[in-house]
Amino acid sequence: MSIAKQPLDENGEGNCCPECGSLKISVNYQFPLFVEMDLNSRNEIFKDADGKRIKQTNRLLARRYKNSQFDAQCWNYECRKCGWISEMFVP
């Protein structure tokens, strides 16, 4: 069973590259990530739920990354075959 090709349009509708017709399309999302940094040392500050400073751990970084991916600010499409890149889309 073959997927019917429909080139991506200016509204982001479709499933293939408008240049080469390839189905190898990636979506590049940009998510908001808020970071608190010390002004003098430029080190990131991590705090627990009570507001106390804590040491950075891999688990903390993974949780922060996952929590930042709830609402995309913008995205674009990119063809992995020919390199075509769409315009930015915003919600």
PDB file of N, CA and C in Angstrom:
ATOM      1  N   MET A   1       0.847  -1.174   0.000  1.00  0.00           N
ATOM      2  CA  MET A   1       0.000   0.000   0.000  1.00  0.00           C
ATOM      3  C   MET A   1       0.895   1.241   0.000  1.00  0.00           C
ATOM      4  N   SER A   2       0.700   2.112  -0.931  1.00  0.00           N
ATOM      5  CA  SER A   2       1.519   3.308  -1.094  1.00  0.00           C
ATOM      6  C   SER A   2       0.791   4.538  -0.551  1.00  0.00           C
ATOM      7  N   ILE A   3       1.553   5.435   0.044  1.00  0.00           N
ATOM      8  CA  ILE A   3       0.992   6.680   0.552  1.00  0.00           C
ATOM      9  C   ILE A   3       0.856   7.658  -0.609  1.00  0.00           C
ATOM     10  N   ALA A   4      -0.311   8.286  -0.731  1.00  0.00           N
ATOM     11  CA  ALA A   4      -0.524   9.280  -1.780  1.00  0.00           C
ATOM     12  C   ALA A   4       0.285  10.529  -1.453  1.00  0.00           C
ATOM     13  N   LYS A   5       1.109  10.962  -2.379  1.00  0.00           N
ATOM     14  CA  LYS A   5       1.952  12.138  -2.167  1.00  0.00           C
ATOM     15  C   LYS A   5       1.139  13.409  -2.378  1.00  0.00           C
ATOM     16  N   GLN A   6       1.278  14.319  -1.409  1.00  0.00           N
ATOM     17  CA  GLN A   6       0.656  15.635  -1.511  1.00  0.00           C
ATOM     18  C   GLN A   6       1.712  16.639  -1.063  1.00  0.00           C
ATOM     19  N   PRO A   7       2.239  17.468  -1.965  1.00  0.00           N
ATOM     20  CA  PRO A   7       3.298  18.418  -1.596  1.00  0.00           C
ATOM     21  C   PRO A   7       2.868  19.366  -0.483  1.00  0.00           C
ATOM     22  N   LEU A   8       3.802  19.672   0.415  1.00  0.00           N
ATOM     23  CA  LEU A   8       3.532  20.646   1.482  1.00  0.00           C
ATOM     24  C   LEU A   8       3.204  21.991   0.859  1.00  0.00           C
ATOM     25  N   ASP A   9       2.171  22.648   1.378  1.00  0.00           N
ATOM     26  CA  ASP A   9       1.788  23.960   0.861  1.00  0.00           C
ATOM     27  C   ASP A   9       2.125  25.058   1.865  1.00  0.00           C
ATOM     28  N   GLU A  10       1.696  26.279   1.586  1.00  0.00           N
ATOM     29  CA  GLU A  10       2.023  27.419   2.447  1.00  0.00           C
ATOM     30  C   GLU A  10       1.334  27.360   3.803  1.00  0.00           C
ATOM     31  N   ASN A  11       0.368  26.457   3.987  1.00  0.00           N
ATOM     32  CA  ASN A  11      -0.307  26.280   5.274  1.00  0.00           C
ATOM     33  C   ASN A  11       0.255  25.099   6.065  1.00  0.00           C
ATOM     34  N   GLY A  12       1.268  24.425   5.534  1.00  0.00           N
ATOM     35  CA  GLY A  12       1.850  23.275   6.210  1.00  0.00           C
ATOM     36  C   GLY A  12       1.073  21.997   5.994  1.00  0.00           C
ATOM     37  N   GLU A  13       0.156  21.984   5.052  1.00  0.00           N
ATOM     38  CA  GLU A  13      -0.629  20.788   4.746  1.00  0.00           C
ATOM     39  C   GLU A  13       0.076  19.995   3.652  1.00  0.00           C
ATOM     40  N   GLY A  14       0.137  18.697   3.817  1.00  0.00           N
ATOM     41  CA  GLY A  14       0.764  17.823   2.837  1.00  0.00           C
ATOM     42  C   GLY A  14       1.731  16.877   3.510  1.00  0.00           C
ATOM     43  N   ASN A  15       2.385  16.027   2.708  1.00  0.00           N
ATOM     44  CA  ASN A  15       3.273  15.027   3.285  1.00  0.00           C
ATOM     45  C   ASN A  15       4.563  14.795   2.506  1.00  0.00           C
ATOM     46  N   CYS A  16       4.823  15.588   1.460  1.00  0.00           N
ATOM     47  CA  CYS A  16       6.059  15.388   0.710  1.00  0.00           C
ATOM     48  C   CYS A  16       6.675  16.732   0.323  1.00  0.00           C
ATOM     49  N   CYS A  17       7.929  16.673  -0.104  1.00  0.00           N
ATOM     50  CA  CYS A  17       8.682  17.871  -0.489  1.00  0.00           C
ATOM     51  C   CYS A  17       8.101  18.472  -1.764  1.00  0.00           C
ATOM     52  N   PRO A  18       7.855  19.778  -1.789  1.00  0.00           N
ATOM     53  CA  PRO A  18       7.348  20.405  -3.005  1.00  0.00           C
ATOM     54  C   PRO A  18       8.411  20.535  -4.095  1.00  0.00           C
ATOM     55  N   GLU A  19       9.695  20.380  -3.743  1.00  0.00           N
ATOM     56  CA  GLU A  19      10.776  20.497  -4.718  1.00  0.00           C
ATOM     57  C   GLU A  19      11.065  19.168  -5.428  1.00  0.00           C
ATOM     58  N   CYS A  20      11.306  18.101  -4.627  1.00  0.00           N
ATOM     59  CA  CYS A  20      11.723  16.824  -5.226  1.00  0.00           C
ATOM     60  C   CYS A  20      10.693  15.718  -5.068  1.00  0.00           C
ATOM     61  N   GLY A  21       9.631  15.930  -4.275  1.00  0.00           N
ATOM     62  CA  GLY A  21       8.592  14.937  -4.096  1.00  0.00           C
ATOM     63  C   GLY A  21       8.922  13.842  -3.095  1.00  0.00           C
ATOM     64  N   SER A  22      10.021  13.977  -2.354  1.00  0.00           N
ATOM     65  CA  SER A  22      10.436  12.975  -1.387  1.00  0.00           C
ATOM     66  C   SER A  22       9.531  12.984  -0.156  1.00  0.00           C
ATOM     67  N   LEU A  23       9.329  11.795   0.423  1.00  0.00           N
ATOM     68  CA  LEU A  23       8.562  11.680   1.664  1.00  0.00           C
ATOM     69  C   LEU A  23       9.459  11.805   2.891  1.00  0.00           C
ATOM     70  N   LYS A  24      10.749  12.024   2.701  1.00  0.00           N
ATOM     71  CA  LYS A  24      11.709  12.147   3.807  1.00  0.00           C
ATOM     72  C   LYS A  24      11.690  13.583   4.335  1.00  0.00           C
ATOM     73  N   ILE A  25      10.638  13.902   5.075  1.00  0.00           N
ATOM     74  CA  ILE A  25      10.435  15.252   5.603  1.00  0.00           C
ATOM     75  C   ILE A  25      10.597  15.230   7.112  1.00  0.00           C
ATOM     76  N   SER A  26      11.365  16.175   7.652  1.00  0.00           N
ATOM     77  CA  SER A  26      11.519  16.349   9.095  1.00  0.00           C
ATOM     78  C   SER A  26      10.809  17.620   9.517  1.00  0.00           C
ATOM     79  N   VAL A  27      10.326  17.618  10.754  1.00  0.00           N
ATOM     80  CA  VAL A  27       9.724  18.818  11.346  1.00  0.00           C
ATOM     81  C   VAL A  27      10.680  19.306  12.418  1.00  0.00           C
ATOM     82  N   ASN A  28      11.092  20.566  12.340  1.00  0.00           N
ATOM     83  CA  ASN A  28      11.992  21.181  13.320  1.00  0.00           C
ATOM     84  C   ASN A  28      11.174  22.095  14.222  1.00  0.00           C
ATOM     85  N   TYR A  29      11.004  21.689  15.494  1.00  0.00           N
ATOM     86  CA  TYR A  29      10.228  22.465  16.460  1.00  0.00           C
ATOM     87  C   TYR A  29      11.146  23.322  17.314  1.00  0.00           C
ATOM     88  N   GLN A  30      10.642  24.482  17.739  1.00  0.00           N
ATOM     89  CA  GLN A  30      11.330  25.307  18.721  1.00  0.00           C
ATOM     90  C   GLN A  30      10.406  25.441  19.922  1.00  0.00           C
ATOM     91  N   PHE A  31      10.883  24.978  21.077  1.00  0.00           N
ATOM     92  CA  PHE A  31      10.112  25.020  22.309  1.00  0.00           C
ATOM     93  C   PHE A  31      10.707  26.060  23.243  1.00  0.00           C
ATOM     94  N   PRO A  32       9.865  26.682  24.083  1.00  0.00           N
ATOM     95  CA  PRO A  32      10.412  27.633  25.064  1.00  0.00           C
ATOM     96  C   PRO A  32      11.108  26.889  26.202  1.00  0.00           C
ATOM     97  N   LEU A  33      12.262  27.362  26.577  1.00  0.00           N
ATOM     98  CA  LEU A  33      12.987  26.810  27.718  1.00  0.00           C
ATOM     99  C   LEU A  33      13.493  27.992  28.528  1.00  0.00           C
ATOM    100  N   PHE A  34      13.005  28.104  29.743  1.00  0.00           N
ATOM    101  CA  PHE A  34      13.380  29.218  30.597  1.00  0.00           C
ATOM    102  C   PHE A  34      14.516  28.788  31.509  1.00  0.00           C
ATOM    103  N   VAL A  35      15.563  29.593  31.570  1.00  0.00           N
ATOM    104  CA  VAL A  35      16.766  29.259  32.317  1.00  0.00           C
ATOM    105  C   VAL A  35      17.091  30.407  33.258  1.00  0.00           C
ATOM    106  N   GLU A  36      17.417  30.078  34.515  1.00  0.00           N
ATOM    107  CA  GLU A  36      17.875  31.076  35.479  1.00  0.00           C
ATOM    108  C   GLU A  36      19.394  30.952  35.566  1.00  0.00           C
ATOM    109  N   MET A  37      20.096  32.085  35.399  1.00  0.00           N
ATOM    110  CA  MET A  37      21.551  32.081  35.432  1.00  0.00           C
ATOM    111  C   MET A  37      22.067  33.118  36.418  1.00  0.00           C
ATOM    112  N   ASP A  38      23.217  32.809  37.020  1.00  0.00           N
ATOM    113  CA  ASP A  38      23.901  33.761  37.877  1.00  0.00           C
ATOM    114  C   ASP A  38      24.544  34.808  36.968  1.00  0.00           C
ATOM    115  N   LEU A  39      24.314  36.080  37.235  1.00  0.00           N
ATOM    116  CA  LEU A  39      24.792  37.153  36.374  1.00  0.00           C
ATOM    117  C   LEU A  39      26.315  37.214  36.321  1.00  0.00           C
ATOM    118  N   ASN A  40      26.984  36.988  37.423  1.00  0.00           N
ATOM    119  CA  ASN A  40      28.439  37.106  37.452  1.00  0.00           C
ATOM    120  C   ASN A  40      29.155  35.880  36.897  1.00  0.00           C
ATOM    121  N   SER A  41      28.763  34.697  37.318  1.00  0.00           N
ATOM    122  CA  SER A  41      29.481  33.490  36.904  1.00  0.00           C
ATOM    123  C   SER A  41      28.933  32.876  35.618  1.00  0.00           C
ATOM    124  N   ARG A  42      27.757  33.268  35.198  1.00  0.00           N
ATOM    125  CA  ARG A  42      27.083  32.718  34.023  1.00  0.00           C
ATOM    126  C   ARG A  42      26.785  31.232  34.169  1.00  0.00           C
ATOM    127  N   ASN A  43      26.677  30.753  35.413  1.00  0.00           N
ATOM    128  CA  ASN A  43      26.301  29.376  35.679  1.00  0.00           C
ATOM    129  C   ASN A  43      24.795  29.292  35.853  1.00  0.00           C
ATOM    130  N   GLU A  44      24.235  28.181  35.397  1.00  0.00           N
ATOM    131  CA  GLU A  44      22.813  27.965  35.534  1.00  0.00           C
ATOM    132  C   GLU A  44      22.465  27.655  36.987  1.00  0.00           C
ATOM    133  N   ILE A  45      21.325  28.154  37.442  1.00  0.00           N
ATOM    134  CA  ILE A  45      20.866  27.935  38.808  1.00  0.00           C
ATOM    135  C   ILE A  45      19.678  26.977  38.757  1.00  0.00           C
ATOM    136  N   PHE A  46      19.786  25.896  39.528  1.00  0.00           N
ATOM    137  CA  PHE A  46      18.711  24.919  39.620  1.00  0.00           C
ATOM    138  C   PHE A  46      18.110  24.983  41.015  1.00  0.00           C
ATOM    139  N   LYS A  47      16.783  24.943  41.089  1.00  0.00           N
ATOM    140  CA  LYS A  47      16.094  25.020  42.372  1.00  0.00           C
ATOM    141  C   LYS A  47      15.069  23.903  42.463  1.00  0.00           C
ATOM    142  N   ASP A  48      14.799  23.467  43.704  1.00  0.00           N
ATOM    143  CA  ASP A  48      13.753  22.472  43.912  1.00  0.00           C
ATOM    144  C   ASP A  48      12.411  23.189  44.071  1.00  0.00           C
ATOM    145  N   ALA A  49      11.377  22.444  44.406  1.00  0.00           N
ATOM    146  CA  ALA A  49      10.028  23.009  44.530  1.00  0.00           C
ATOM    147  C   ALA A  49       9.935  24.047  45.637  1.00  0.00           C
ATOM    148  N   ASP A  50      10.818  23.958  46.643  1.00  0.00           N
ATOM    149  CA  ASP A  50      10.804  24.913  47.756  1.00  0.00           C
ATOM    150  C   ASP A  50      11.641  26.155  47.475  1.00  0.00           C
ATOM    151  N   GLY A  51      12.308  26.204  46.320  1.00  0.00           N
ATOM    152  CA  GLY A  51      13.125  27.355  45.965  1.00  0.00           C
ATOM    153  C   GLY A  51      14.567  27.270  46.435  1.00  0.00           C
ATOM    154  N   LYS A  52      14.965  26.104  46.982  1.00  0.00           N
ATOM    155  CA  LYS A  52      16.347  25.934  47.433  1.00  0.00           C
ATOM    156  C   LYS A  52      17.212  25.482  46.266  1.00  0.00           C
ATOM    157  N   ARG A  53      18.444  26.008  46.217  1.00  0.00           N
ATOM    158  CA  ARG A  53      19.368  25.631  45.146  1.00  0.00           C
ATOM    159  C   ARG A  53      19.775  24.170  45.298  1.00  0.00           C
ATOM    160  N   ILE A  54      19.820  23.470  44.166  1.00  0.00           N
ATOM    161  CA  ILE A  54      20.220  22.069  44.163  1.00  0.00           C
ATOM    162  C   ILE A  54      21.269  21.836  43.087  1.00  0.00           C
ATOM    163  N   LYS A  55      21.963  20.700  43.174  1.00  0.00           N
ATOM    164  CA  LYS A  55      23.000  20.349  42.221  1.00  0.00           C
ATOM    165  C   LYS A  55      22.372  19.827  40.931  1.00  0.00           C
ATOM    166  N   GLN A  56      22.978  20.156  39.811  1.00  0.00           N
ATOM    167  CA  GLN A  56      22.505  19.696  38.511  1.00  0.00           C
ATOM    168  C   GLN A  56      22.755  18.196  38.371  1.00  0.00           C
ATOM    169  N   THR A  57      21.743  17.463  37.908  1.00  0.00           N
ATOM    170  CA  THR A  57      21.870  16.035  37.646  1.00  0.00           C
ATOM    171  C   THR A  57      21.322  15.740  36.251  1.00  0.00           C
ATOM    172  N   ASN A  58      21.667  14.594  35.704  1.00  0.00           N
ATOM    173  CA  ASN A  58      21.143  14.210  34.396  1.00  0.00           C
ATOM    174  C   ASN A  58      19.631  14.039  34.435  1.00  0.00           C
ATOM    175  N   ARG A  59      19.121  13.513  35.546  1.00  0.00           N
ATOM    176  CA  ARG A  59      17.678  13.340  35.679  1.00  0.00           C
ATOM    177  C   ARG A  59      16.970  14.697  35.661  1.00  0.00           C
ATOM    178  N   LEU A  60      17.549  15.678  36.335  1.00  0.00           N
ATOM    179  CA  LEU A  60      16.975  17.023  36.356  1.00  0.00           C
ATOM    180  C   LEU A  60      16.976  17.639  34.954  1.00  0.00           C
ATOM    181  N   LEU A  61      18.080  17.491  34.229  1.00  0.00           N
ATOM    182  CA  LEU A  61      18.155  18.029  32.873  1.00  0.00           C
ATOM    183  C   LEU A  61      17.150  17.353  31.941  1.00  0.00           C
ATOM    184  N   ALA A  62      17.006  16.028  32.066  1.00  0.00           N
ATOM    185  CA  ALA A  62      16.048  15.302  31.231  1.00  0.00           C
ATOM    186  C   ALA A  62      14.613  15.737  31.536  1.00  0.00           C
ATOM    187  N   ARG A  63      14.289  15.901  32.812  1.00  0.00           N
ATOM    188  CA  ARG A  63      12.940  16.326  33.193  1.00  0.00           C
ATOM    189  C   ARG A  63      12.653  17.739  32.682  1.00  0.00           C
ATOM    190  N   ARG A  64      13.642  18.627  32.792  1.00  0.00           N
ATOM    191  CA  ARG A  64      13.449  20.000  32.312  1.00  0.00           C
ATOM    192  C   ARG A  64      13.238  20.019  30.806  1.00  0.00           C
ATOM    193  N   TYR A  65      14.008  19.218  30.078  1.00  0.00           N
ATOM    194  CA  TYR A  65      13.861  19.134  28.623  1.00  0.00           C
ATOM    195  C   TYR A  65      12.470  18.616  28.247  1.00  0.00           C
ATOM    196  N   LYS A  66      12.031  17.561  28.910  1.00  0.00           N
ATOM    197  CA  LYS A  66      10.727  16.983  28.614  1.00  0.00           C
ATOM    198  C   LYS A  66       9.603  17.962  28.941  1.00  0.00           C
ATOM    199  N   ASN A  67       9.709  18.670  30.056  1.00  0.00           N
ATOM    200  CA  ASN A  67       8.680  19.629  30.452  1.00  0.00           C
ATOM    201  C   ASN A  67       8.604  20.832  29.519  1.00  0.00           C
ATOM    202  N   SER A  68       9.682  21.128  28.803  1.00  0.00           N
ATOM    203  CA  SER A  68       9.671  22.288  27.911  1.00  0.00           C
ATOM    204  C   SER A  68       8.950  21.990  26.603  1.00  0.00           C
ATOM    205  N   GLN A  69       8.629  20.735  26.323  1.00  0.00           N
ATOM    206  CA  GLN A  69       8.086  20.361  25.019  1.00  0.00           C
ATOM    207  C   GLN A  69       6.564  20.273  24.981  1.00  0.00           C
ATOM    208  N   PHE A  70       5.876  21.093  25.734  1.00  0.00           N
ATOM    209  CA  PHE A  70       4.424  21.057  25.725  1.00  0.00           C
ATOM    210  C   PHE A  70       3.812  21.967  24.673  1.00  0.00           C
ATOM    211  N   ASP A  71       4.454  23.062  24.356  1.00  0.00           N
ATOM    212  CA  ASP A  71       3.848  24.037  23.457  1.00  0.00           C
ATOM    213  C   ASP A  71       4.920  24.616  22.535  1.00  0.00           C
ATOM    214  N   ALA A  72       4.873  24.249  21.265  1.00  0.00           N
ATOM    215  CA  ALA A  72       5.859  24.745  20.298  1.00  0.00           C
ATOM    216  C   ALA A  72       5.587  26.214  19.982  1.00  0.00           C
ATOM    217  N   GLN A  73       6.654  27.010  19.969  1.00  0.00           N
ATOM    218  CA  GLN A  73       6.525  28.421  19.596  1.00  0.00           C
ATOM    219  C   GLN A  73       6.512  28.581  18.082  1.00  0.00           C
ATOM    220  N   CYS A  74       7.317  27.792  17.384  1.00  0.00           N
ATOM    221  CA  CYS A  74       7.355  27.831  15.931  1.00  0.00           C
ATOM    222  C   CYS A  74       7.952  26.528  15.411  1.00  0.00           C
ATOM    223  N   TRP A  75       7.790  26.283  14.118  1.00  0.00           N
ATOM    224  CA  TRP A  75       8.339  25.084  13.505  1.00  0.00           C
ATOM    225  C   TRP A  75       8.493  25.312  12.009  1.00  0.00           C
ATOM    226  N   ASN A  76       9.319  24.491  11.383  1.00  0.00           N
ATOM    227  CA  ASN A  76       9.449  24.491   9.937  1.00  0.00           C
ATOM    228  C   ASN A  76       9.679  23.065   9.462  1.00  0.00           C
ATOM    229  N   TYR A  77       9.585  22.860   8.155  1.00  0.00           N
ATOM    230  CA  TYR A  77       9.763  21.542   7.559  1.00  0.00           C
ATOM    231  C   TYR A  77      11.058  21.543   6.762  1.00  0.00           C
ATOM    232  N   GLU A  78      11.718  20.374   6.710  1.00  0.00           N
ATOM    233  CA  GLU A  78      12.981  20.252   5.990  1.00  0.00           C
ATOM    234  C   GLU A  78      13.014  18.910   5.269  1.00  0.00           C
ATOM    235  N   CYS A  79      13.428  18.930   4.005  1.00  0.00           N
ATOM    236  CA  CYS A  79      13.559  17.707   3.225  1.00  0.00           C
ATOM    237  C   CYS A  79      14.955  17.128   3.452  1.00  0.00           C
ATOM    238  N   ARG A  80      15.016  15.864   3.894  1.00  0.00           N
ATOM    239  CA  ARG A  80      16.302  15.228   4.147  1.00  0.00           C
ATOM    240  C   ARG A  80      16.960  14.756   2.861  1.00  0.00           C
ATOM    241  N   LYS A  81      16.250  14.790   1.739  1.00  0.00           N
ATOM    242  CA  LYS A  81      16.827  14.336   0.469  1.00  0.00           C
ATOM    243  C   LYS A  81      17.477  15.489  -0.304  1.00  0.00           C
ATOM    244  N   CYS A  82      16.740  16.585  -0.509  1.00  0.00           N
ATOM    245  CA  CYS A  82      17.273  17.675  -1.336  1.00  0.00           C
ATOM    246  C   CYS A  82      17.685  18.909  -0.538  1.00  0.00           C
ATOM    247  N   GLY A  83      17.321  18.975   0.767  1.00  0.00           N
ATOM    248  CA  GLY A  83      17.721  20.105   1.590  1.00  0.00           C
ATOM    249  C   GLY A  83      16.746  21.269   1.600  1.00  0.00           C
ATOM    250  N   TRP A  84      15.597  21.143   0.931  1.00  0.00           N
ATOM    251  CA  TRP A  84      14.588  22.204   0.930  1.00  0.00           C
ATOM    252  C   TRP A  84      14.144  22.500   2.359  1.00  0.00           C
ATOM    253  N   ILE A  85      13.966  23.782   2.690  1.00  0.00           N
ATOM    254  CA  ILE A  85      13.479  24.207   4.010  1.00  0.00           C
ATOM    255  C   ILE A  85      12.307  25.149   3.818  1.00  0.00           C
ATOM    256  N   SER A  86      11.223  24.897   4.538  1.00  0.00           N
ATOM    257  CA  SER A  86      10.026  25.730   4.435  1.00  0.00           C
ATOM    258  C   SER A  86      10.195  27.013   5.227  1.00  0.00           C
ATOM    259  N   GLU A  87       9.220  27.880   5.093  1.00  0.00           N
ATOM    260  CA  GLU A  87       9.145  29.072   5.930  1.00  0.00           C
ATOM    261  C   GLU A  87       8.767  28.651   7.351  1.00  0.00           C
ATOM    262  N   MET A  88       8.972  29.548   8.332  1.00  0.00           N
ATOM    263  CA  MET A  88       8.585  29.267   9.720  1.00  0.00           C
ATOM    264  C   MET A  88       7.080  29.338   9.873  1.00  0.00           C
ATOM    265  N   PHE A  89       6.530  28.429  10.673  1.00  0.00           N
ATOM    266  CA  PHE A  89       5.117  28.426  11.015  1.00  0.00           C
ATOM    267  C   PHE A  89       4.985  28.760  12.492  1.00  0.00           C
ATOM    268  N   VAL A  90       3.954  29.499  12.838  1.00  0.00           N
ATOM    269  CA  VAL A  90       3.673  29.847  14.242  1.00  0.00           C
ATOM    270  C   VAL A  90       2.211  29.492  14.528  1.00  0.00           C
ATOM    271  N   PRO A  91       1.904  29.167  15.800  1.00  0.00           N
ATOM    272  CA  PRO A  91       0.507  28.812  16.129  1.00  0.00           C
ATOM    273  C   PRO A  91      -0.424  29.992  16.017  1.00  0.00           C
TER     274      PRO A  91
END
